[in-house]
Amino acid sequence: MNAIVNRQMDATVRRMRRWNLTVRRRVRGDAGMSTSEYAVGTLAACAFAAILYKVVTSDGVATALTGLVTRALDVQF
């Protein structure tokens, strides 16, 4: 009986070690970006910021934001 339990424990320990190794391999992966990936990411972020700035400073959005703030400040309690 004791031998059967020991074999089952050994099998469980082997499965756990195999699972641990698999998880570590998947997590380790690629640690970061290369220089070219940083450059493309920075360029995309700058382009998005420029487009967002143009949208927020447009007349329609500025008018809407001004109206929103004015209504919020004019609320009677």
PDB file of N, CA and C in Angstrom:
ATOM      1  N   MET A   1       0.828  -1.187   0.000  1.00  0.00           N
ATOM      2  CA  MET A   1       0.000   0.000   0.000  1.00  0.00           C
ATOM      3  C   MET A   1       0.875   1.254   0.000  1.00  0.00           C
ATOM      4  N   ASN A   2       1.920   1.226   0.811  1.00  0.00           N
ATOM      5  CA  ASN A   2       2.805   2.367   0.901  1.00  0.00           C
ATOM      6  C   ASN A   2       3.517   2.627  -0.419  1.00  0.00           C
ATOM      7  N   ALA A   3       3.862   1.585  -1.153  1.00  0.00           N
ATOM      8  CA  ALA A   3       4.540   1.729  -2.439  1.00  0.00           C
ATOM      9  C   ALA A   3       3.625   2.400  -3.457  1.00  0.00           C
ATOM     10  N   ILE A   4       2.334   2.082  -3.424  1.00  0.00           N
ATOM     11  CA  ILE A   4       1.375   2.686  -4.352  1.00  0.00           C
ATOM     12  C   ILE A   4       1.250   4.187  -4.088  1.00  0.00           C
ATOM     13  N   VAL A   5       1.164   4.547  -2.819  1.00  0.00           N
ATOM     14  CA  VAL A   5       1.059   5.962  -2.449  1.00  0.00           C
ATOM     15  C   VAL A   5       2.320   6.701  -2.876  1.00  0.00           C
ATOM     16  N   ASN A   6       3.488   6.081  -2.673  1.00  0.00           N
ATOM     17  CA  ASN A   6       4.743   6.724  -3.070  1.00  0.00           C
ATOM     18  C   ASN A   6       4.806   6.936  -4.577  1.00  0.00           C
ATOM     19  N   ARG A   7       4.353   5.962  -5.366  1.00  0.00           N
ATOM     20  CA  ARG A   7       4.344   6.114  -6.825  1.00  0.00           C
ATOM     21  C   ARG A   7       3.406   7.234  -7.251  1.00  0.00           C
ATOM     22  N   GLN A   8       2.250   7.313  -6.592  1.00  0.00           N
ATOM     23  CA  GLN A   8       1.309   8.377  -6.927  1.00  0.00           C
ATOM     24  C   GLN A   8       1.888   9.745  -6.567  1.00  0.00           C
ATOM     25  N   MET A   9       2.557   9.832  -5.429  1.00  0.00           N
ATOM     26  CA  MET A   9       3.186  11.088  -5.016  1.00  0.00           C
ATOM     27  C   MET A   9       4.287  11.479  -5.996  1.00  0.00           C
ATOM     28  N   ASP A  10       5.098  10.482  -6.408  1.00  0.00           N
ATOM     29  CA  ASP A  10       6.167  10.765  -7.371  1.00  0.00           C
ATOM     30  C   ASP A  10       5.591  11.256  -8.695  1.00  0.00           C
ATOM     31  N   ALA A  11       4.521  10.639  -9.143  1.00  0.00           N
ATOM     32  CA  ALA A  11       3.881  11.056 -10.392  1.00  0.00           C
ATOM     33  C   ALA A  11       3.328  12.469 -10.270  1.00  0.00           C
ATOM     34  N   THR A  12       2.750  12.782  -9.129  1.00  0.00           N
ATOM     35  CA  THR A  12       2.205  14.126  -8.901  1.00  0.00           C
ATOM     36  C   THR A  12       3.328  15.157  -8.872  1.00  0.00           C
ATOM     37  N   VAL A  13       4.428  14.826  -8.216  1.00  0.00           N
ATOM     38  CA  VAL A  13       5.566  15.746  -8.158  1.00  0.00           C
ATOM     39  C   VAL A  13       6.129  15.974  -9.550  1.00  0.00           C
ATOM     40  N   ARG A  14       6.228  14.929 -10.370  1.00  0.00           N
ATOM     41  CA  ARG A  14       6.723  15.084 -11.738  1.00  0.00           C
ATOM     42  C   ARG A  14       5.798  15.976 -12.561  1.00  0.00           C
ATOM     43  N   ARG A  15       4.482  15.771 -12.403  1.00  0.00           N
ATOM     44  CA  ARG A  15       3.522  16.613 -13.137  1.00  0.00           C
ATOM     45  C   ARG A  15       3.643  18.071 -12.707  1.00  0.00           C
ATOM     46  N   MET A  16       3.807  18.302 -11.411  1.00  0.00           N
ATOM     47  CA  MET A  16       3.931  19.672 -10.915  1.00  0.00           C
ATOM     48  C   MET A  16       5.216  20.325 -11.423  1.00  0.00           C
ATOM     49  N   ARG A  17       6.305  19.587 -11.470  1.00  0.00           N
ATOM     50  CA  ARG A  17       7.569  20.131 -11.987  1.00  0.00           C
ATOM     51  C   ARG A  17       7.444  20.448 -13.479  1.00  0.00           C
ATOM     52  N   ARG A  18       6.801  19.549 -14.220  1.00  0.00           N
ATOM     53  CA  ARG A  18       6.591  19.773 -15.652  1.00  0.00           C
ATOM     54  C   ARG A  18       5.725  21.002 -15.882  1.00  0.00           C
ATOM     55  N   TRP A  19       4.668  21.144 -15.077  1.00  0.00           N
ATOM     56  CA  TRP A  19       3.779  22.298 -15.199  1.00  0.00           C
ATOM     57  C   TRP A  19       4.530  23.583 -14.857  1.00  0.00           C
ATOM     58  N   ASN A  20       5.340  23.555 -13.805  1.00  0.00           N
ATOM     59  CA  ASN A  20       6.126  24.710 -13.397  1.00  0.00           C
ATOM     60  C   ASN A  20       7.095  25.119 -14.507  1.00  0.00           C
ATOM     61  N   LEU A  21       7.747  24.167 -15.130  1.00  0.00           N
ATOM     62  CA  LEU A  21       8.675  24.457 -16.214  1.00  0.00           C
ATOM     63  C   LEU A  21       7.943  25.070 -17.403  1.00  0.00           C
ATOM     64  N   THR A  22       6.775  24.551 -17.723  1.00  0.00           N
ATOM     65  CA  THR A  22       5.979  25.089 -18.828  1.00  0.00           C
ATOM     66  C   THR A  22       5.570  26.529 -18.556  1.00  0.00           C
ATOM     67  N   VAL A  23       5.128  26.793 -17.344  1.00  0.00           N
ATOM     68  CA  VAL A  23       4.715  28.159 -16.990  1.00  0.00           C
ATOM     69  C   VAL A  23       5.909  29.103 -17.062  1.00  0.00           C
ATOM     70  N   ARG A  24       7.044  28.698 -16.545  1.00  0.00           N
ATOM     71  CA  ARG A  24       8.221  29.568 -16.585  1.00  0.00           C
ATOM     72  C   ARG A  24       8.659  29.856 -18.008  1.00  0.00           C
ATOM     73  N   ARG A  25       8.577  28.872 -18.900  1.00  0.00           N
ATOM     74  CA  ARG A  25       8.942  29.097 -20.301  1.00  0.00           C
ATOM     75  C   ARG A  25       8.001  30.097 -20.959  1.00  0.00           C
ATOM     76  N   ARG A  26       6.710  29.978 -20.663  1.00  0.00           N
ATOM     77  CA  ARG A  26       5.743  30.891 -21.281  1.00  0.00           C
ATOM     78  C   ARG A  26       5.886  32.303 -20.750  1.00  0.00           C
ATOM     79  N   VAL A  27       6.152  32.449 -19.475  1.00  0.00           N
ATOM     80  CA  VAL A  27       6.243  33.771 -18.870  1.00  0.00           C
ATOM     81  C   VAL A  27       7.531  34.460 -19.288  1.00  0.00           C
ATOM     82  N   ARG A  28       8.596  33.717 -19.381  1.00  0.00           N
ATOM     83  CA  ARG A  28       9.893  34.300 -19.683  1.00  0.00           C
ATOM     84  C   ARG A  28       9.848  35.000 -21.028  1.00  0.00           C
ATOM     85  N   GLY A  29       9.469  34.325 -22.091  1.00  0.00           N
ATOM     86  CA  GLY A  29       9.257  34.880 -23.420  1.00  0.00           C
ATOM     87  C   GLY A  29      10.223  35.968 -23.827  1.00  0.00           C
ATOM     88  N   ASP A  30       9.701  36.980 -24.505  1.00  0.00           N
ATOM     89  CA  ASP A  30      10.486  38.107 -24.970  1.00  0.00           C
ATOM     90  C   ASP A  30      10.378  39.211 -23.932  1.00  0.00           C
ATOM     91  N   ALA A  31      11.493  39.607 -23.361  1.00  0.00           N
ATOM     92  CA  ALA A  31      11.480  40.509 -22.221  1.00  0.00           C
ATOM     93  C   ALA A  31      11.162  41.957 -22.571  1.00  0.00           C
ATOM     94  N   GLY A  32      11.442  42.401 -23.774  1.00  0.00           N
ATOM     95  CA  GLY A  32      11.209  43.805 -24.073  1.00  0.00           C
ATOM     96  C   GLY A  32      11.221  44.097 -25.559  1.00  0.00           C
ATOM     97  N   MET A  33      11.173  45.383 -25.868  1.00  0.00           N
ATOM     98  CA  MET A  33      11.151  45.800 -27.261  1.00  0.00           C
ATOM     99  C   MET A  33      12.564  46.163 -27.710  1.00  0.00           C
ATOM    100  N   SER A  34      12.775  46.046 -28.999  1.00  0.00           N
ATOM    101  CA  SER A  34      14.048  46.480 -29.557  1.00  0.00           C
ATOM    102  C   SER A  34      13.972  47.977 -29.843  1.00  0.00           C
ATOM    103  N   THR A  35      15.077  48.549 -30.237  1.00  0.00           N
ATOM    104  CA  THR A  35      15.143  49.985 -30.484  1.00  0.00           C
ATOM    105  C   THR A  35      14.170  50.413 -31.575  1.00  0.00           C
ATOM    106  N   SER A  36      14.065  49.635 -32.630  1.00  0.00           N
ATOM    107  CA  SER A  36      13.147  50.000 -33.718  1.00  0.00           C
ATOM    108  C   SER A  36      11.693  49.951 -33.250  1.00  0.00           C
ATOM    109  N   GLU A  37      11.367  49.010 -32.380  1.00  0.00           N
ATOM    110  CA  GLU A  37      10.002  48.952 -31.851  1.00  0.00           C
ATOM    111  C   GLU A  37       9.713  50.157 -30.964  1.00  0.00           C
ATOM    112  N   TYR A  38      10.695  50.596 -30.177  1.00  0.00           N
ATOM    113  CA  TYR A  38      10.530  51.813 -29.383  1.00  0.00           C
ATOM    114  C   TYR A  38      10.300  53.020 -30.287  1.00  0.00           C
ATOM    115  N   ALA A  39      11.061  53.097 -31.375  1.00  0.00           N
ATOM    116  CA  ALA A  39      10.930  54.232 -32.295  1.00  0.00           C
ATOM    117  C   ALA A  39       9.540  54.265 -32.924  1.00  0.00           C
ATOM    118  N   VAL A  40       9.053  53.120 -33.373  1.00  0.00           N
ATOM    119  CA  VAL A  40       7.719  53.065 -33.984  1.00  0.00           C
ATOM    120  C   VAL A  40       6.650  53.383 -32.945  1.00  0.00           C
ATOM    121  N   GLY A  41       6.795  52.861 -31.740  1.00  0.00           N
ATOM    122  CA  GLY A  41       5.829  53.142 -30.680  1.00  0.00           C
ATOM    123  C   GLY A  41       5.815  54.613 -30.299  1.00  0.00           C
ATOM    124  N   THR A  42       6.986  55.229 -30.216  1.00  0.00           N
ATOM    125  CA  THR A  42       7.073  56.650 -29.898  1.00  0.00           C
ATOM    126  C   THR A  42       6.456  57.493 -31.005  1.00  0.00           C
ATOM    127  N   LEU A  43       6.728  57.142 -32.251  1.00  0.00           N
ATOM    128  CA  LEU A  43       6.152  57.858 -33.385  1.00  0.00           C
ATOM    129  C   LEU A  43       4.630  57.758 -33.385  1.00  0.00           C
ATOM    130  N   ALA A  44       4.103  56.581 -33.122  1.00  0.00           N
ATOM    131  CA  ALA A  44       2.648  56.397 -33.076  1.00  0.00           C
ATOM    132  C   ALA A  44       2.030  57.196 -31.938  1.00  0.00           C
ATOM    133  N   ALA A  45       2.681  57.217 -30.779  1.00  0.00           N
ATOM    134  CA  ALA A  45       2.166  57.988 -29.637  1.00  0.00           C
ATOM    135  C   ALA A  45       2.162  59.481 -29.948  1.00  0.00           C
ATOM    136  N   CYS A  46       3.204  59.968 -30.609  1.00  0.00           N
ATOM    137  CA  CYS A  46       3.266  61.391 -30.975  1.00  0.00           C
ATOM    138  C   CYS A  46       2.186  61.733 -31.993  1.00  0.00           C
ATOM    139  N   ALA A  47       1.971  60.863 -32.967  1.00  0.00           N
ATOM    140  CA  ALA A  47       0.927  61.104 -33.966  1.00  0.00           C
ATOM    141  C   ALA A  47      -0.446  61.131 -33.305  1.00  0.00           C
ATOM    142  N   PHE A  48      -0.699  60.211 -32.402  1.00  0.00           N
ATOM    143  CA  PHE A  48      -1.979  60.187 -31.693  1.00  0.00           C
ATOM    144  C   PHE A  48      -2.156  61.453 -30.853  1.00  0.00           C
ATOM    145  N   ALA A  49      -1.089  61.897 -30.190  1.00  0.00           N
ATOM    146  CA  ALA A  49      -1.164  63.115 -29.377  1.00  0.00           C
ATOM    147  C   ALA A  49      -1.456  64.335 -30.247  1.00  0.00           C
ATOM    148  N   ALA A  50      -0.848  64.407 -31.435  1.00  0.00           N
ATOM    149  CA  ALA A  50      -1.091  65.536 -32.329  1.00  0.00           C
ATOM    150  C   ALA A  50      -2.543  65.553 -32.807  1.00  0.00           C
ATOM    151  N   ILE A  51      -3.062  64.388 -33.160  1.00  0.00           N
ATOM    152  CA  ILE A  51      -4.459  64.314 -33.612  1.00  0.00           C
ATOM    153  C   ILE A  51      -5.401  64.678 -32.463  1.00  0.00           C
ATOM    154  N   LEU A  52      -5.131  64.177 -31.283  1.00  0.00           N
ATOM    155  CA  LEU A  52      -5.970  64.491 -30.130  1.00  0.00           C
ATOM    156  C   LEU A  52      -5.932  65.981 -29.804  1.00  0.00           C
ATOM    157  N   TYR A  53      -4.767  66.591 -29.907  1.00  0.00           N
ATOM    158  CA  TYR A  53      -4.633  68.028 -29.656  1.00  0.00           C
ATOM    159  C   TYR A  53      -5.477  68.821 -30.662  1.00  0.00           C
ATOM    160  N   LYS A  54      -5.401  68.433 -31.940  1.00  0.00           N
ATOM    161  CA  LYS A  54      -6.190  69.126 -32.964  1.00  0.00           C
ATOM    162  C   LYS A  54      -7.682  68.999 -32.690  1.00  0.00           C
ATOM    163  N   VAL A  55      -8.118  67.812 -32.281  1.00  0.00           N
ATOM    164  CA  VAL A  55      -9.541  67.601 -32.014  1.00  0.00           C
ATOM    165  C   VAL A  55      -9.989  68.420 -30.813  1.00  0.00           C
ATOM    166  N   VAL A  56      -9.213  68.403 -29.737  1.00  0.00           N
ATOM    167  CA  VAL A  56      -9.614  69.093 -28.513  1.00  0.00           C
ATOM    168  C   VAL A  56      -9.601  70.605 -28.696  1.00  0.00           C
ATOM    169  N   THR A  57      -8.685  71.119 -29.504  1.00  0.00           N
ATOM    170  CA  THR A  57      -8.605  72.574 -29.695  1.00  0.00           C
ATOM    171  C   THR A  57      -9.477  73.071 -30.844  1.00  0.00           C
ATOM    172  N   SER A  58     -10.235  72.195 -31.477  1.00  0.00           N
ATOM    173  CA  SER A  58     -11.117  72.652 -32.551  1.00  0.00           C
ATOM    174  C   SER A  58     -12.256  73.493 -31.978  1.00  0.00           C
ATOM    175  N   ASP A  59     -12.859  74.306 -32.824  1.00  0.00           N
ATOM    176  CA  ASP A  59     -13.905  75.226 -32.371  1.00  0.00           C
ATOM    177  C   ASP A  59     -15.102  74.485 -31.771  1.00  0.00           C
ATOM    178  N   GLY A  60     -15.535  73.417 -32.410  1.00  0.00           N
ATOM    179  CA  GLY A  60     -16.705  72.687 -31.923  1.00  0.00           C
ATOM    180  C   GLY A  60     -16.494  72.092 -30.545  1.00  0.00           C
ATOM    181  N   VAL A  61     -15.358  71.475 -30.351  1.00  0.00           N
ATOM    182  CA  VAL A  61     -15.071  70.849 -29.053  1.00  0.00           C
ATOM    183  C   VAL A  61     -14.863  71.916 -27.987  1.00  0.00           C
ATOM    184  N   ALA A  62     -14.165  72.999 -28.332  1.00  0.00           N
ATOM    185  CA  ALA A  62     -13.945  74.080 -27.368  1.00  0.00           C
ATOM    186  C   ALA A  62     -15.273  74.689 -26.934  1.00  0.00           C
ATOM    187  N   THR A  63     -16.193  74.888 -27.883  1.00  0.00           N
ATOM    188  CA  THR A  63     -17.507  75.428 -27.563  1.00  0.00           C
ATOM    189  C   THR A  63     -18.282  74.471 -26.663  1.00  0.00           C
ATOM    190  N   ALA A  64     -18.234  73.188 -26.990  1.00  0.00           N
ATOM    191  CA  ALA A  64     -18.952  72.196 -26.184  1.00  0.00           C
ATOM    192  C   ALA A  64     -18.390  72.122 -24.766  1.00  0.00           C
ATOM    193  N   LEU A  65     -17.084  72.143 -24.630  1.00  0.00           N
ATOM    194  CA  LEU A  65     -16.473  72.091 -23.300  1.00  0.00           C
ATOM    195  C   LEU A  65     -16.778  73.354 -22.497  1.00  0.00           C
ATOM    196  N   THR A  66     -16.756  74.495 -23.168  1.00  0.00           N
ATOM    197  CA  THR A  66     -17.085  75.744 -22.486  1.00  0.00           C
ATOM    198  C   THR A  66     -18.527  75.724 -21.999  1.00  0.00           C
ATOM    199  N   GLY A  67     -19.439  75.242 -22.849  1.00  0.00           N
ATOM    200  CA  GLY A  67     -20.839  75.135 -22.451  1.00  0.00           C
ATOM    201  C   GLY A  67     -21.034  74.181 -21.290  1.00  0.00           C
ATOM    202  N   LEU A  68     -20.326  73.085 -21.313  1.00  0.00           N
ATOM    203  CA  LEU A  68     -20.425  72.096 -20.246  1.00  0.00           C
ATOM    204  C   LEU A  68     -19.956  72.679 -18.914  1.00  0.00           C
ATOM    205  N   VAL A  69     -18.828  73.343 -18.936  1.00  0.00           N
ATOM    206  CA  VAL A  69     -18.290  73.955 -17.705  1.00  0.00           C
ATOM    207  C   VAL A  69     -19.219  75.055 -17.210  1.00  0.00           C
ATOM    208  N   THR A  70     -19.745  75.853 -18.119  1.00  0.00           N
ATOM    209  CA  THR A  70     -20.652  76.943 -17.738  1.00  0.00           C
ATOM    210  C   THR A  70     -21.918  76.392 -17.078  1.00  0.00           C
ATOM    211  N   ARG A  71     -22.489  75.349 -17.672  1.00  0.00           N
ATOM    212  CA  ARG A  71     -23.694  74.749 -17.071  1.00  0.00           C
ATOM    213  C   ARG A  71     -23.391  74.145 -15.707  1.00  0.00           C
ATOM    214  N   ALA A  72     -22.203  73.536 -15.573  1.00  0.00           N
ATOM    215  CA  ALA A  72     -21.844  72.924 -14.295  1.00  0.00           C
ATOM    216  C   ALA A  72     -21.661  73.977 -13.211  1.00  0.00           C
ATOM    217  N   LEU A  73     -21.146  75.135 -13.582  1.00  0.00           N
ATOM    218  CA  LEU A  73     -20.930  76.193 -12.587  1.00  0.00           C
ATOM    219  C   LEU A  73     -22.204  76.963 -12.260  1.00  0.00           C
ATOM    220  N   ASP A  74     -23.182  76.925 -13.151  1.00  0.00           N
ATOM    221  CA  ASP A  74     -24.444  77.645 -12.945  1.00  0.00           C
ATOM    222  C   ASP A  74     -25.513  76.818 -12.232  1.00  0.00           C
ATOM    223  N   VAL A  75     -25.186  75.631 -11.789  1.00  0.00           N
ATOM    224  CA  VAL A  75     -26.169  74.767 -11.124  1.00  0.00           C
ATOM    225  C   VAL A  75     -26.560  75.373  -9.780  1.00  0.00           C
ATOM    226  N   GLN A  76     -27.864  75.432  -9.538  1.00  0.00           N
ATOM    227  CA  GLN A  76     -28.374  75.975  -8.276  1.00  0.00           C
ATOM    228  C   GLN A  76     -28.590  74.826  -7.292  1.00  0.00           C
ATOM    229  N   PHE A  77     -28.093  74.979  -6.085  1.00  0.00           N
ATOM    230  CA  PHE A  77     -28.249  73.943  -5.063  1.00  0.00           C
ATOM    231  C   PHE A  77     -29.397  74.254  -4.163  1.00  0.00           C
TER     232      PHE A  77
END
